[in-house]
């Protein structure tokens, strides 16, 4: 995912790989904390884009602006995750006991 992030941000050299990995790890923890563990950063393109945007803001030392600038996207993601979690719990309730 590091190479994808570097392409997204427009970084070609490897000088800042460690910093970018730290941003990736911190951003993944951030999204898991606010939305839960029920998504995959590799396959969910909407989440991946938000992840990369948060990393971009962190890399620019402007992380305090991320939540303000992406408030509607974050709310929509939280709502989507809550709906999906609710649907999974309903499916579990309907599953016959064996």
C-alpha atoms as a PDB file:
ATOM      1  CA  UNK A   1       0.000   0.000   0.000  1.00  0.00           C
ATOM      2  CA  UNK A   2       3.010   2.279   0.485  1.00  0.00           C
ATOM      3  CA  UNK A   3       3.665   2.480  -3.254  1.00  0.00           C
ATOM      4  CA  UNK A   4       0.008   3.375  -3.882  1.00  0.00           C
ATOM      5  CA  UNK A   5       0.200   6.125  -1.261  1.00  0.00           C
ATOM      6  CA  UNK A   6       3.393   7.489  -2.801  1.00  0.00           C
ATOM      7  CA  UNK A   7       1.722   7.585  -6.216  1.00  0.00           C
ATOM      8  CA  UNK A   8      -1.358   9.259  -4.717  1.00  0.00           C
ATOM      9  CA  UNK A   9       0.693  11.946  -2.997  1.00  0.00           C
ATOM     10  CA  UNK A  10       3.146  12.261  -5.894  1.00  0.00           C
ATOM     11  CA  UNK A  11       6.329  11.100  -4.192  1.00  0.00           C
ATOM     12  CA  UNK A  12       8.845   9.290  -6.385  1.00  0.00           C
ATOM     13  CA  UNK A  13      11.850   8.712  -4.124  1.00  0.00           C
ATOM     14  CA  UNK A  14      12.218   6.463  -1.102  1.00  0.00           C
ATOM     15  CA  UNK A  15      13.577   9.081   1.310  1.00  0.00           C
ATOM     16  CA  UNK A  16      10.342   9.406   3.266  1.00  0.00           C
ATOM     17  CA  UNK A  17       9.141   5.797   3.277  1.00  0.00           C
ATOM     18  CA  UNK A  18       9.444   5.419   7.044  1.00  0.00           C
ATOM     19  CA  UNK A  19       7.470   8.609   7.665  1.00  0.00           C
ATOM     20  CA  UNK A  20       4.805   7.581   5.174  1.00  0.00           C
ATOM     21  CA  UNK A  21       4.521   4.136   6.783  1.00  0.00           C
ATOM     22  CA  UNK A  22       4.022   5.824  10.147  1.00  0.00           C
ATOM     23  CA  UNK A  23       1.284   7.989   8.613  1.00  0.00           C
ATOM     24  CA  UNK A  24      -0.344   4.886   7.095  1.00  0.00           C
ATOM     25  CA  UNK A  25      -0.298   2.978  10.376  1.00  0.00           C
ATOM     26  CA  UNK A  26      -1.616   5.926  12.386  1.00  0.00           C
ATOM     27  CA  UNK A  27      -4.357   6.565   9.822  1.00  0.00           C
ATOM     28  CA  UNK A  28      -5.420   2.913   9.791  1.00  0.00           C
ATOM     29  CA  UNK A  29      -5.693   3.009  13.593  1.00  0.00           C
ATOM     30  CA  UNK A  30      -7.692   6.244  13.348  1.00  0.00           C
ATOM     31  CA  UNK A  31     -10.241   4.723  10.962  1.00  0.00           C
ATOM     32  CA  UNK A  32     -10.524   1.508  12.957  1.00  0.00           C
ATOM     33  CA  UNK A  33     -11.118   3.571  16.095  1.00  0.00           C
ATOM     34  CA  UNK A  34     -13.870   5.713  14.585  1.00  0.00           C
ATOM     35  CA  UNK A  35     -15.490   3.076  12.337  1.00  0.00           C
ATOM     36  CA  UNK A  36     -14.567  -0.349  13.682  1.00  0.00           C
ATOM     37  CA  UNK A  37     -12.625  -3.182  12.114  1.00  0.00           C
ATOM     38  CA  UNK A  38     -15.166  -4.215   9.527  1.00  0.00           C
ATOM     39  CA  UNK A  39     -13.478  -3.005   6.356  1.00  0.00           C
ATOM     40  CA  UNK A  40     -10.448  -3.735   4.242  1.00  0.00           C
ATOM     41  CA  UNK A  41      -8.248  -0.839   3.192  1.00  0.00           C
ATOM     42  CA  UNK A  42      -7.024  -2.807   0.182  1.00  0.00           C
ATOM     43  CA  UNK A  43     -10.432  -3.530  -1.349  1.00  0.00           C
ATOM     44  CA  UNK A  44     -12.680  -0.677  -0.198  1.00  0.00           C
ATOM     45  CA  UNK A  45     -11.742   2.160  -2.543  1.00  0.00           C
ATOM     46  CA  UNK A  46     -13.733   4.803  -0.620  1.00  0.00           C
ATOM     47  CA  UNK A  47     -11.950   3.986   2.616  1.00  0.00           C
ATOM     48  CA  UNK A  48      -8.598   3.804   0.849  1.00  0.00           C
ATOM     49  CA  UNK A  49      -9.082   7.278  -0.597  1.00  0.00           C
ATOM     50  CA  UNK A  50      -9.923   8.707   2.827  1.00  0.00           C
ATOM     51  CA  UNK A  51      -6.941   6.862   4.292  1.00  0.00           C
ATOM     52  CA  UNK A  52      -4.632   8.367   1.678  1.00  0.00           C
ATOM     53  CA  UNK A  53      -6.118  11.825   2.197  1.00  0.00           C
ATOM     54  CA  UNK A  54      -5.485  11.592   5.930  1.00  0.00           C
ATOM     55  CA  UNK A  55      -1.903  10.537   5.200  1.00  0.00           C
ATOM     56  CA  UNK A  56      -1.528  13.454   2.791  1.00  0.00           C
ATOM     57  CA  UNK A  57      -2.730  15.870   5.462  1.00  0.00           C
ATOM     58  CA  UNK A  58      -0.414  14.285   8.041  1.00  0.00           C
ATOM     59  CA  UNK A  59       2.509  14.554   5.630  1.00  0.00           C
ATOM     60  CA  UNK A  60       1.738  18.256   5.111  1.00  0.00           C
ATOM     61  CA  UNK A  61       1.533  18.860   8.891  1.00  0.00           C
ATOM     62  CA  UNK A  62      -2.111  19.845   8.476  1.00  0.00           C
ATOM     63  CA  UNK A  63      -3.808  16.931  10.187  1.00  0.00           C
ATOM     64  CA  UNK A  64      -5.922  19.267  12.308  1.00  0.00           C
ATOM     65  CA  UNK A  65      -7.783  20.242   9.113  1.00  0.00           C
ATOM     66  CA  UNK A  66      -8.565  16.716   7.966  1.00  0.00           C
ATOM     67  CA  UNK A  67     -11.709  16.139  10.043  1.00  0.00           C
ATOM     68  CA  UNK A  68     -13.072  19.568   9.173  1.00  0.00           C
ATOM     69  CA  UNK A  69     -12.461  19.214   5.449  1.00  0.00           C
ATOM     70  CA  UNK A  70     -13.729  15.627   5.241  1.00  0.00           C
ATOM     71  CA  UNK A  71     -16.511  15.820   7.823  1.00  0.00           C
ATOM     72  CA  UNK A  72     -19.293  14.744   5.452  1.00  0.00           C
ATOM     73  CA  UNK A  73     -17.203  11.852   4.095  1.00  0.00           C
ATOM     74  CA  UNK A  74     -16.376  10.672   7.607  1.00  0.00           C
ATOM     75  CA  UNK A  75     -20.023  10.860   8.695  1.00  0.00           C
ATOM     76  CA  UNK A  76     -21.104   8.933   5.598  1.00  0.00           C
ATOM     77  CA  UNK A  77     -18.451   6.286   6.259  1.00  0.00           C
ATOM     78  CA  UNK A  78     -19.503   5.904   9.898  1.00  0.00           C
ATOM     79  CA  UNK A  79     -23.133   5.577   8.860  1.00  0.00           C
ATOM     80  CA  UNK A  80     -22.304   3.032   6.165  1.00  0.00           C
ATOM     81  CA  UNK A  81     -20.260   0.962   8.608  1.00  0.00           C
ATOM     82  CA  UNK A  82     -23.066   1.066  11.198  1.00  0.00           C
ATOM     83  CA  UNK A  83     -25.654  -0.047   8.628  1.00  0.00           C
ATOM     84  CA  UNK A  84     -23.413  -2.870   7.413  1.00  0.00           C
ATOM     85  CA  UNK A  85     -22.723  -3.978  10.987  1.00  0.00           C
ATOM     86  CA  UNK A  86     -26.453  -3.961  11.742  1.00  0.00           C
ATOM     87  CA  UNK A  87     -27.183  -6.008   8.610  1.00  0.00           C
ATOM     88  CA  UNK A  88     -24.527  -8.567   9.588  1.00  0.00           C
ATOM     89  CA  UNK A  89     -25.980  -8.880  13.093  1.00  0.00           C
ATOM     90  CA  UNK A  90     -29.473  -9.403  11.650  1.00  0.00           C
ATOM     91  CA  UNK A  91     -28.095 -12.102   9.333  1.00  0.00           C
ATOM     92  CA  UNK A  92     -26.522 -13.807  12.350  1.00  0.00           C
ATOM     93  CA  UNK A  93     -29.844 -13.669  14.226  1.00  0.00           C
ATOM     94  CA  UNK A  94     -31.651 -15.287  11.278  1.00  0.00           C
ATOM     95  CA  UNK A  95     -29.130 -18.083  10.815  1.00  0.00           C
ATOM     96  CA  UNK A  96     -30.569 -21.395  12.040  1.00  0.00           C
ATOM     97  CA  UNK A  97     -28.816 -23.047  14.947  1.00  0.00           C
ATOM     98  CA  UNK A  98     -27.104 -26.319  14.098  1.00  0.00           C
END
